[in-house]
Amino acid sequence: MSKRLMSHIGQYIWPWTIAMAVIGGLSIFGREELGAGYHLGDIAAVAFMISAACLIVISQRGTPRPDETEPAA
Protein backbone atom coordinates (compact mmCIF):
# COMPACT_ATOMS: atom_id res chain seq x y z
CA MET A 1 0.00 0.00 0.00
CA SER A 2 1.16 3.52 -0.60
CA LYS A 3 2.54 5.50 2.32
CA ARG A 4 0.02 8.25 1.63
CA LEU A 5 -2.93 5.87 1.99
CA MET A 6 -1.48 4.30 5.14
CA SER A 7 -0.89 7.76 6.62
CA HIS A 8 -4.49 8.75 5.87
CA ILE A 9 -5.84 5.59 7.50
CA GLY A 10 -3.56 6.11 10.50
CA GLN A 11 -4.75 9.68 11.03
CA TYR A 12 -8.42 8.81 10.69
CA ILE A 13 -8.48 5.32 12.17
CA TRP A 14 -11.60 5.78 14.33
CA PRO A 15 -13.79 6.92 11.40
CA TRP A 16 -12.44 4.02 9.30
CA THR A 17 -13.28 1.61 12.11
CA ILE A 18 -16.80 2.96 12.47
CA ALA A 19 -17.36 3.10 8.70
CA MET A 20 -16.34 -0.53 8.24
CA ALA A 21 -18.57 -1.64 11.12
CA VAL A 22 -21.50 0.27 9.60
CA ILE A 23 -20.84 -1.22 6.14
CA GLY A 24 -20.74 -4.68 7.71
CA GLY A 25 -23.99 -4.09 9.55
CA LEU A 26 -25.73 -2.74 6.45
CA SER A 27 -24.48 -5.70 4.44
CA ILE A 28 -25.97 -8.13 6.95
CA PHE A 29 -29.24 -6.20 6.94
CA GLY A 30 -29.25 -6.20 3.13
CA ARG A 31 -28.55 -9.92 3.04
CA GLU A 32 -31.51 -10.55 5.33
CA GLU A 33 -33.77 -8.41 3.13
CA LEU A 34 -32.52 -9.37 -0.35
CA GLY A 35 -31.46 -12.95 0.13
CA ALA A 36 -28.20 -14.85 0.09
CA GLY A 37 -27.38 -14.54 -3.60
CA TYR A 38 -25.81 -11.09 -3.58
CA HIS A 39 -22.39 -11.69 -1.91
CA LEU A 40 -23.38 -9.32 0.88
CA GLY A 41 -22.18 -11.85 3.44
CA ASP A 42 -18.71 -11.66 1.89
CA ILE A 43 -18.76 -7.86 2.02
CA ALA A 44 -19.86 -7.99 5.67
CA ALA A 45 -17.09 -10.42 6.57
CA VAL A 46 -14.38 -8.29 4.96
CA ALA A 47 -15.74 -5.08 6.49
CA PHE A 48 -15.83 -6.62 9.98
CA MET A 49 -12.28 -7.98 9.55
CA ILE A 50 -10.98 -4.53 8.59
CA SER A 51 -12.86 -2.98 11.51
CA ALA A 52 -11.39 -5.54 13.92
CA ALA A 53 -7.88 -4.94 12.57
CA CYS A 54 -8.35 -1.20 13.11
CA LEU A 55 -9.45 -1.84 16.69
CA ILE A 56 -6.33 -3.92 17.29
CA VAL A 57 -4.15 -1.11 15.94
CA ILE A 58 -5.97 1.40 18.15
CA SER A 59 -5.46 -0.77 21.23
CA GLN A 60 -1.73 -1.12 20.47
CA ARG A 61 -1.08 2.62 20.20
CA GLY A 62 1.32 3.91 22.79
CA THR A 63 2.56 0.51 23.89
CA PRO A 64 6.32 0.14 23.82
CA ARG A 65 7.76 -2.15 21.21
CA PRO A 66 9.72 -5.13 22.49
CA ASP A 67 13.45 -4.58 22.69
CA GLU A 68 15.03 -6.45 19.82
CA THR A 69 18.14 -7.25 21.84
CA GLU A 70 16.16 -9.30 24.35
CA PRO A 71 15.54 -12.94 23.45
CA ALA A 72 11.95 -13.97 22.91
CA ALA A 73 10.33 -15.69 25.85
PDB file of N, CA and C in Angstrom:
ATOM      1  N   MET A   1       0.844  -1.179   0.000  1.00  0.00           N
ATOM      2  CA  MET A   1       0.000   0.000   0.000  1.00  0.00           C
ATOM      3  C   MET A   1       0.888   1.241   0.000  1.00  0.00           C
ATOM      4  N   SER A   2       0.369   2.297  -0.558  1.00  0.00           N
ATOM      5  CA  SER A   2       1.161   3.518  -0.602  1.00  0.00           C
ATOM      6  C   SER A   2       1.244   4.146   0.787  1.00  0.00           C
ATOM      7  N   LYS A   3       2.340   4.848   1.018  1.00  0.00           N
ATOM      8  CA  LYS A   3       2.535   5.498   2.317  1.00  0.00           C
ATOM      9  C   LYS A   3       1.473   6.561   2.561  1.00  0.00           C
ATOM     10  N   ARG A   4       1.032   7.211   1.482  1.00  0.00           N
ATOM     11  CA  ARG A   4       0.016   8.250   1.627  1.00  0.00           C
ATOM     12  C   ARG A   4      -1.306   7.671   2.123  1.00  0.00           C
ATOM     13  N   LEU A   5      -1.698   6.529   1.563  1.00  0.00           N
ATOM     14  CA  LEU A   5      -2.931   5.875   1.994  1.00  0.00           C
ATOM     15  C   LEU A   5      -2.810   5.392   3.437  1.00  0.00           C
ATOM     16  N   MET A   6      -1.679   4.787   3.769  1.00  0.00           N
ATOM     17  CA  MET A   6      -1.480   4.299   5.138  1.00  0.00           C
ATOM     18  C   MET A   6      -1.473   5.457   6.131  1.00  0.00           C
ATOM     19  N   SER A   7      -0.891   6.587   5.748  1.00  0.00           N
ATOM     20  CA  SER A   7      -0.887   7.759   6.618  1.00  0.00           C
ATOM     21  C   SER A   7      -2.310   8.276   6.826  1.00  0.00           C
ATOM     22  N   HIS A   8      -3.100   8.291   5.759  1.00  0.00           N
ATOM     23  CA  HIS A   8      -4.491   8.746   5.866  1.00  0.00           C
ATOM     24  C   HIS A   8      -5.283   7.840   6.810  1.00  0.00           C
ATOM     25  N   ILE A   9      -5.129   6.538   6.632  1.00  0.00           N
ATOM     26  CA  ILE A   9      -5.842   5.591   7.497  1.00  0.00           C
ATOM     27  C   ILE A   9      -5.382   5.752   8.939  1.00  0.00           C
ATOM     28  N   GLY A  10      -4.086   5.948   9.149  1.00  0.00           N
ATOM     29  CA  GLY A  10      -3.563   6.113  10.504  1.00  0.00           C
ATOM     30  C   GLY A  10      -4.091   7.356  11.194  1.00  0.00           C
ATOM     31  N   GLN A  11      -4.255   8.435  10.449  1.00  0.00           N
ATOM     32  CA  GLN A  11      -4.754   9.677  11.032  1.00  0.00           C
ATOM     33  C   GLN A  11      -6.244   9.602  11.342  1.00  0.00           C
ATOM     34  N   TYR A  12      -6.966   8.875  10.539  1.00  0.00           N
ATOM     35  CA  TYR A  12      -8.424   8.811  10.687  1.00  0.00           C
ATOM     36  C   TYR A  12      -8.874   7.388  10.993  1.00  0.00           C
ATOM     37  N   ILE A  13      -8.215   6.742  11.943  1.00  0.00           N
ATOM     38  CA  ILE A  13      -8.480   5.317  12.170  1.00  0.00           C
ATOM     39  C   ILE A  13      -9.847   5.079  12.828  1.00  0.00           C
ATOM     40  N   TRP A  14     -10.280   5.970  13.722  1.00  0.00           N
ATOM     41  CA  TRP A  14     -11.602   5.779  14.331  1.00  0.00           C
ATOM     42  C   TRP A  14     -12.720   5.878  13.305  1.00  0.00           C
ATOM     43  N   PRO A  15     -12.730   6.901  12.428  1.00  0.00           N
ATOM     44  CA  PRO A  15     -13.786   6.924  11.401  1.00  0.00           C
ATOM     45  C   PRO A  15     -13.747   5.711  10.472  1.00  0.00           C
ATOM     46  N   TRP A  16     -12.543   5.225  10.122  1.00  0.00           N
ATOM     47  CA  TRP A  16     -12.441   4.019   9.297  1.00  0.00           C
ATOM     48  C   TRP A  16     -13.035   2.823  10.024  1.00  0.00           C
ATOM     49  N   THR A  17     -12.757   2.720  11.319  1.00  0.00           N
ATOM     50  CA  THR A  17     -13.284   1.606  12.109  1.00  0.00           C
ATOM     51  C   THR A  17     -14.808   1.640  12.130  1.00  0.00           C
ATOM     52  N   ILE A  18     -15.348   2.810  12.402  1.00  0.00           N
ATOM     53  CA  ILE A  18     -16.803   2.959  12.474  1.00  0.00           C
ATOM     54  C   ILE A  18     -17.436   2.728  11.101  1.00  0.00           C
ATOM     55  N   ALA A  19     -16.811   3.269  10.056  1.00  0.00           N
ATOM     56  CA  ALA A  19     -17.359   3.100   8.705  1.00  0.00           C
ATOM     57  C   ALA A  19     -17.404   1.629   8.309  1.00  0.00           C
ATOM     58  N   MET A  20     -16.356   0.896   8.604  1.00  0.00           N
ATOM     59  CA  MET A  20     -16.335  -0.526   8.243  1.00  0.00           C
ATOM     60  C   MET A  20     -17.371  -1.314   9.049  1.00  0.00           C
ATOM     61  N   ALA A  21     -17.549  -0.960  10.319  1.00  0.00           N
ATOM     62  CA  ALA A  21     -18.566  -1.639  11.124  1.00  0.00           C
ATOM     63  C   ALA A  21     -19.968  -1.343  10.580  1.00  0.00           C
ATOM     64  N   VAL A  22     -20.196  -0.103  10.165  1.00  0.00           N
ATOM     65  CA  VAL A  22     -21.500   0.268   9.598  1.00  0.00           C
ATOM     66  C   VAL A  22     -21.730  -0.458   8.268  1.00  0.00           C
ATOM     67  N   ILE A  23     -20.704  -0.504   7.415  1.00  0.00           N
ATOM     68  CA  ILE A  23     -20.838  -1.220   6.142  1.00  0.00           C
ATOM     69  C   ILE A  23     -21.136  -2.694   6.394  1.00  0.00           C
ATOM     70  N   GLY A  24     -20.463  -3.287   7.370  1.00  0.00           N
ATOM     71  CA  GLY A  24     -20.736  -4.683   7.711  1.00  0.00           C
ATOM     72  C   GLY A  24     -22.160  -4.887   8.191  1.00  0.00           C
ATOM     73  N   GLY A  25     -22.624  -3.987   9.055  1.00  0.00           N
ATOM     74  CA  GLY A  25     -23.991  -4.088   9.550  1.00  0.00           C
ATOM     75  C   GLY A  25     -25.024  -3.914   8.453  1.00  0.00           C
ATOM     76  N   LEU A  26     -24.800  -2.941   7.568  1.00  0.00           N
ATOM     77  CA  LEU A  26     -25.731  -2.739   6.455  1.00  0.00           C
ATOM     78  C   LEU A  26     -25.721  -3.921   5.493  1.00  0.00           C
ATOM     79  N   SER A  27     -24.560  -4.528   5.318  1.00  0.00           N
ATOM     80  CA  SER A  27     -24.482  -5.700   4.442  1.00  0.00           C
ATOM     81  C   SER A  27     -25.273  -6.867   5.013  1.00  0.00           C
ATOM     82  N   ILE A  28     -25.187  -7.055   6.318  1.00  0.00           N
ATOM     83  CA  ILE A  28     -25.966  -8.127   6.951  1.00  0.00           C
ATOM     84  C   ILE A  28     -27.457  -7.833   6.831  1.00  0.00           C
ATOM     85  N   PHE A  29     -27.833  -6.575   7.082  1.00  0.00           N
ATOM     86  CA  PHE A  29     -29.235  -6.197   6.944  1.00  0.00           C
ATOM     87  C   PHE A  29     -29.708  -6.411   5.504  1.00  0.00           C
ATOM     88  N   GLY A  30     -28.891  -6.003   4.532  1.00  0.00           N
ATOM     89  CA  GLY A  30     -29.245  -6.195   3.128  1.00  0.00           C
ATOM     90  C   GLY A  30     -29.357  -7.658   2.758  1.00  0.00           C
ATOM     91  N   ARG A  31     -28.488  -8.474   3.330  1.00  0.00           N
ATOM     92  CA  ARG A  31     -28.545  -9.916   3.044  1.00  0.00           C
ATOM     93  C   ARG A  31     -29.839 -10.520   3.592  1.00  0.00           C
ATOM     94  N   GLU A  32     -30.252 -10.056   4.757  1.00  0.00           N
ATOM     95  CA  GLU A  32     -31.509 -10.546   5.329  1.00  0.00           C
ATOM     96  C   GLU A  32     -32.702 -10.124   4.471  1.00  0.00           C
ATOM     97  N   GLU A  33     -32.642  -8.915   3.918  1.00  0.00           N
ATOM     98  CA  GLU A  33     -33.766  -8.406   3.135  1.00  0.00           C
ATOM     99  C   GLU A  33     -33.773  -8.935   1.699  1.00  0.00           C
ATOM    100  N   LEU A  34     -32.597  -9.014   1.063  1.00  0.00           N
ATOM    101  CA  LEU A  34     -32.522  -9.366  -0.353  1.00  0.00           C
ATOM    102  C   LEU A  34     -32.339 -10.850  -0.601  1.00  0.00           C
ATOM    103  N   GLY A  35     -31.739 -11.534   0.330  1.00  0.00           N
ATOM    104  CA  GLY A  35     -31.456 -12.949   0.135  1.00  0.00           C
ATOM    105  C   GLY A  35     -29.959 -13.201   0.077  1.00  0.00           C
ATOM    106  N   ALA A  36     -29.603 -14.457  -0.026  1.00  0.00           N
ATOM    107  CA  ALA A  36     -28.204 -14.850   0.094  1.00  0.00           C
ATOM    108  C   ALA A  36     -27.438 -14.789  -1.220  1.00  0.00           C
ATOM    109  N   GLY A  37     -28.054 -14.457  -2.318  1.00  0.00           N
ATOM    110  CA  GLY A  37     -27.384 -14.539  -3.603  1.00  0.00           C
ATOM    111  C   GLY A  37     -26.604 -13.316  -4.026  1.00  0.00           C
ATOM    112  N   TYR A  38     -26.395 -12.358  -3.157  1.00  0.00           N
ATOM    113  CA  TYR A  38     -25.806 -11.091  -3.577  1.00  0.00           C
ATOM    114  C   TYR A  38     -24.407 -10.834  -3.018  1.00  0.00           C
ATOM    115  N   HIS A  39     -23.742 -11.811  -2.475  1.00  0.00           N
ATOM    116  CA  HIS A  39     -22.387 -11.688  -1.915  1.00  0.00           C
ATOM    117  C   HIS A  39     -22.296 -10.661  -0.790  1.00  0.00           C
ATOM    118  N   LEU A  40     -23.415 -10.299  -0.198  1.00  0.00           N
ATOM    119  CA  LEU A  40     -23.378  -9.323   0.883  1.00  0.00           C
ATOM    120  C   LEU A  40     -22.751  -9.910   2.143  1.00  0.00           C
ATOM    121  N   GLY A  41     -22.847 -11.210   2.307  1.00  0.00           N
ATOM    122  CA  GLY A  41     -22.180 -11.853   3.440  1.00  0.00           C
ATOM    123  C   GLY A  41     -20.673 -11.731   3.330  1.00  0.00           C
ATOM    124  N   ASP A  42     -20.146 -11.832   2.109  1.00  0.00           N
ATOM    125  CA  ASP A  42     -18.708 -11.660   1.889  1.00  0.00           C
ATOM    126  C   ASP A  42     -18.278 -10.235   2.204  1.00  0.00           C
ATOM    127  N   ILE A  43     -19.067  -9.269   1.753  1.00  0.00           N
ATOM    128  CA  ILE A  43     -18.760  -7.864   2.022  1.00  0.00           C
ATOM    129  C   ILE A  43     -18.782  -7.606   3.523  1.00  0.00           C
ATOM    130  N   ALA A  44     -19.771  -8.163   4.215  1.00  0.00           N
ATOM    131  CA  ALA A  44     -19.862  -7.987   5.665  1.00  0.00           C
ATOM    132  C   ALA A  44     -18.646  -8.586   6.362  1.00  0.00           C
ATOM    133  N   ALA A  45     -18.235  -9.770   5.937  1.00  0.00           N
ATOM    134  CA  ALA A  45     -17.087 -10.420   6.573  1.00  0.00           C
ATOM    135  C   ALA A  45     -15.820  -9.595   6.403  1.00  0.00           C
ATOM    136  N   VAL A  46     -15.577  -9.097   5.202  1.00  0.00           N
ATOM    137  CA  VAL A  46     -14.377  -8.292   4.959  1.00  0.00           C
ATOM    138  C   VAL A  46     -14.441  -6.986   5.744  1.00  0.00           C
ATOM    139  N   ALA A  47     -15.599  -6.340   5.761  1.00  0.00           N
ATOM    140  CA  ALA A  47     -15.741  -5.079   6.492  1.00  0.00           C
ATOM    141  C   ALA A  47     -15.506  -5.285   7.985  1.00  0.00           C
ATOM    142  N   PHE A  48     -16.044  -6.359   8.550  1.00  0.00           N
ATOM    143  CA  PHE A  48     -15.827  -6.616   9.976  1.00  0.00           C
ATOM    144  C   PHE A  48     -14.374  -6.978  10.271  1.00  0.00           C
ATOM    145  N   MET A  49     -13.700  -7.672   9.344  1.00  0.00           N
ATOM    146  CA  MET A  49     -12.281  -7.982   9.552  1.00  0.00           C
ATOM    147  C   MET A  49     -11.434  -6.711   9.544  1.00  0.00           C
ATOM    148  N   ILE A  50     -11.719  -5.796   8.631  1.00  0.00           N
ATOM    149  CA  ILE A  50     -10.983  -4.529   8.590  1.00  0.00           C
ATOM    150  C   ILE A  50     -11.255  -3.729   9.852  1.00  0.00           C
ATOM    151  N   SER A  51     -12.509  -3.694  10.286  1.00  0.00           N
ATOM    152  CA  SER A  51     -12.862  -2.982  11.509  1.00  0.00           C
ATOM    153  C   SER A  51     -12.146  -3.572  12.719  1.00  0.00           C
ATOM    154  N   ALA A  52     -12.083  -4.891  12.799  1.00  0.00           N
ATOM    155  CA  ALA A  52     -11.391  -5.541  13.916  1.00  0.00           C
ATOM    156  C   ALA A  52      -9.895  -5.256  13.875  1.00  0.00           C
ATOM    157  N   ALA A  53      -9.305  -5.256  12.685  1.00  0.00           N
ATOM    158  CA  ALA A  53      -7.879  -4.939  12.571  1.00  0.00           C
ATOM    159  C   ALA A  53      -7.609  -3.506  13.016  1.00  0.00           C
ATOM    160  N   CYS A  54      -8.498  -2.587  12.661  1.00  0.00           N
ATOM    161  CA  CYS A  54      -8.346  -1.199  13.108  1.00  0.00           C
ATOM    162  C   CYS A  54      -8.436  -1.103  14.626  1.00  0.00           C
ATOM    163  N   LEU A  55      -9.348  -1.856  15.231  1.00  0.00           N
ATOM    164  CA  LEU A  55      -9.454  -1.844  16.692  1.00  0.00           C
ATOM    165  C   LEU A  55      -8.189  -2.384  17.350  1.00  0.00           C
ATOM    166  N   ILE A  56      -7.581  -3.393  16.752  1.00  0.00           N
ATOM    167  CA  ILE A  56      -6.331  -3.924  17.293  1.00  0.00           C
ATOM    168  C   ILE A  56      -5.240  -2.864  17.213  1.00  0.00           C
ATOM    169  N   VAL A  57      -5.157  -2.164  16.083  1.00  0.00           N
ATOM    170  CA  VAL A  57      -4.152  -1.111  15.938  1.00  0.00           C
ATOM    171  C   VAL A  57      -4.389  -0.009  16.961  1.00  0.00           C
ATOM    172  N   ILE A  58      -5.650   0.371  17.166  1.00  0.00           N
ATOM    173  CA  ILE A  58      -5.970   1.404  18.154  1.00  0.00           C
ATOM    174  C   ILE A  58      -5.544   0.961  19.545  1.00  0.00           C
ATOM    175  N   SER A  59      -5.800  -0.296  19.888  1.00  0.00           N
ATOM    176  CA  SER A  59      -5.456  -0.775  21.230  1.00  0.00           C
ATOM    177  C   SER A  59      -3.952  -0.876  21.435  1.00  0.00           C
ATOM    178  N   GLN A  60      -3.181  -0.995  20.357  1.00  0.00           N
ATOM    179  CA  GLN A  60      -1.728  -1.121  20.466  1.00  0.00           C
ATOM    180  C   GLN A  60      -1.009   0.224  20.456  1.00  0.00           C
ATOM    181  N   ARG A  61      -1.718   1.299  20.220  1.00  0.00           N
ATOM    182  CA  ARG A  61      -1.081   2.618  20.198  1.00  0.00           C
ATOM    183  C   ARG A  61      -0.497   2.938  21.564  1.00  0.00           C
ATOM    184  N   GLY A  62       0.691   3.473  21.550  1.00  0.00           N
ATOM    185  CA  GLY A  62       1.318   3.909  22.790  1.00  0.00           C
ATOM    186  C   GLY A  62       2.008   2.814  23.574  1.00  0.00           C
ATOM    187  N   THR A  63       1.862   1.578  23.172  1.00  0.00           N
ATOM    188  CA  THR A  63       2.555   0.509  23.892  1.00  0.00           C
ATOM    189  C   THR A  63       3.983   0.421  23.381  1.00  0.00           C
ATOM    190  N   PRO A  64       4.926   0.209  24.272  1.00  0.00           N
ATOM    191  CA  PRO A  64       6.319   0.136  23.823  1.00  0.00           C
ATOM    192  C   PRO A  64       6.562  -1.120  22.998  1.00  0.00           C
ATOM    193  N   ARG A  65       7.399  -0.992  22.017  1.00  0.00           N
ATOM    194  CA  ARG A  65       7.758  -2.152  21.206  1.00  0.00           C
ATOM    195  C   ARG A  65       8.762  -2.991  21.979  1.00  0.00           C
ATOM    196  N   PRO A  66       8.751  -4.293  21.774  1.00  0.00           N
ATOM    197  CA  PRO A  66       9.718  -5.129  22.489  1.00  0.00           C
ATOM    198  C   PRO A  66      11.139  -4.796  22.041  1.00  0.00           C
ATOM    199  N   ASP A  67      12.049  -4.853  22.992  1.00  0.00           N
ATOM    200  CA  ASP A  67      13.448  -4.584  22.692  1.00  0.00           C
ATOM    201  C   ASP A  67      13.988  -5.732  21.854  1.00  0.00           C
ATOM    202  N   GLU A  68      14.572  -5.403  20.725  1.00  0.00           N
ATOM    203  CA  GLU A  68      15.028  -6.451  19.816  1.00  0.00           C
ATOM    204  C   GLU A  68      16.284  -7.153  20.312  1.00  0.00           C
ATOM    205  N   THR A  69      16.946  -6.587  21.323  1.00  0.00           N
ATOM    206  CA  THR A  69      18.144  -7.247  21.844  1.00  0.00           C
ATOM    207  C   THR A  69      17.795  -8.339  22.843  1.00  0.00           C
ATOM    208  N   GLU A  70      16.580  -8.283  23.394  1.00  0.00           N
ATOM    209  CA  GLU A  70      16.163  -9.303  24.353  1.00  0.00           C
ATOM    210  C   GLU A  70      15.691 -10.545  23.606  1.00  0.00           C
ATOM    211  N   PRO A  71      16.041 -11.722  24.101  1.00  0.00           N
ATOM    212  CA  PRO A  71      15.542 -12.939  23.449  1.00  0.00           C
ATOM    213  C   PRO A  71      14.041 -13.106  23.702  1.00  0.00           C
ATOM    214  N   ALA A  72      13.387 -13.719  22.761  1.00  0.00           N
ATOM    215  CA  ALA A  72      11.950 -13.967  22.907  1.00  0.00           C
ATOM    216  C   ALA A  72      11.715 -14.982  24.013  1.00  0.00           C
ATOM    217  N   ALA A  73      10.627 -14.797  24.734  1.00  0.00           N
ATOM    218  CA  ALA A  73      10.332 -15.693  25.855  1.00  0.00           C
ATOM    219  C   ALA A  73       9.718 -16.980  25.383  1.00  0.00           C
TER     220      ALA A  73
END
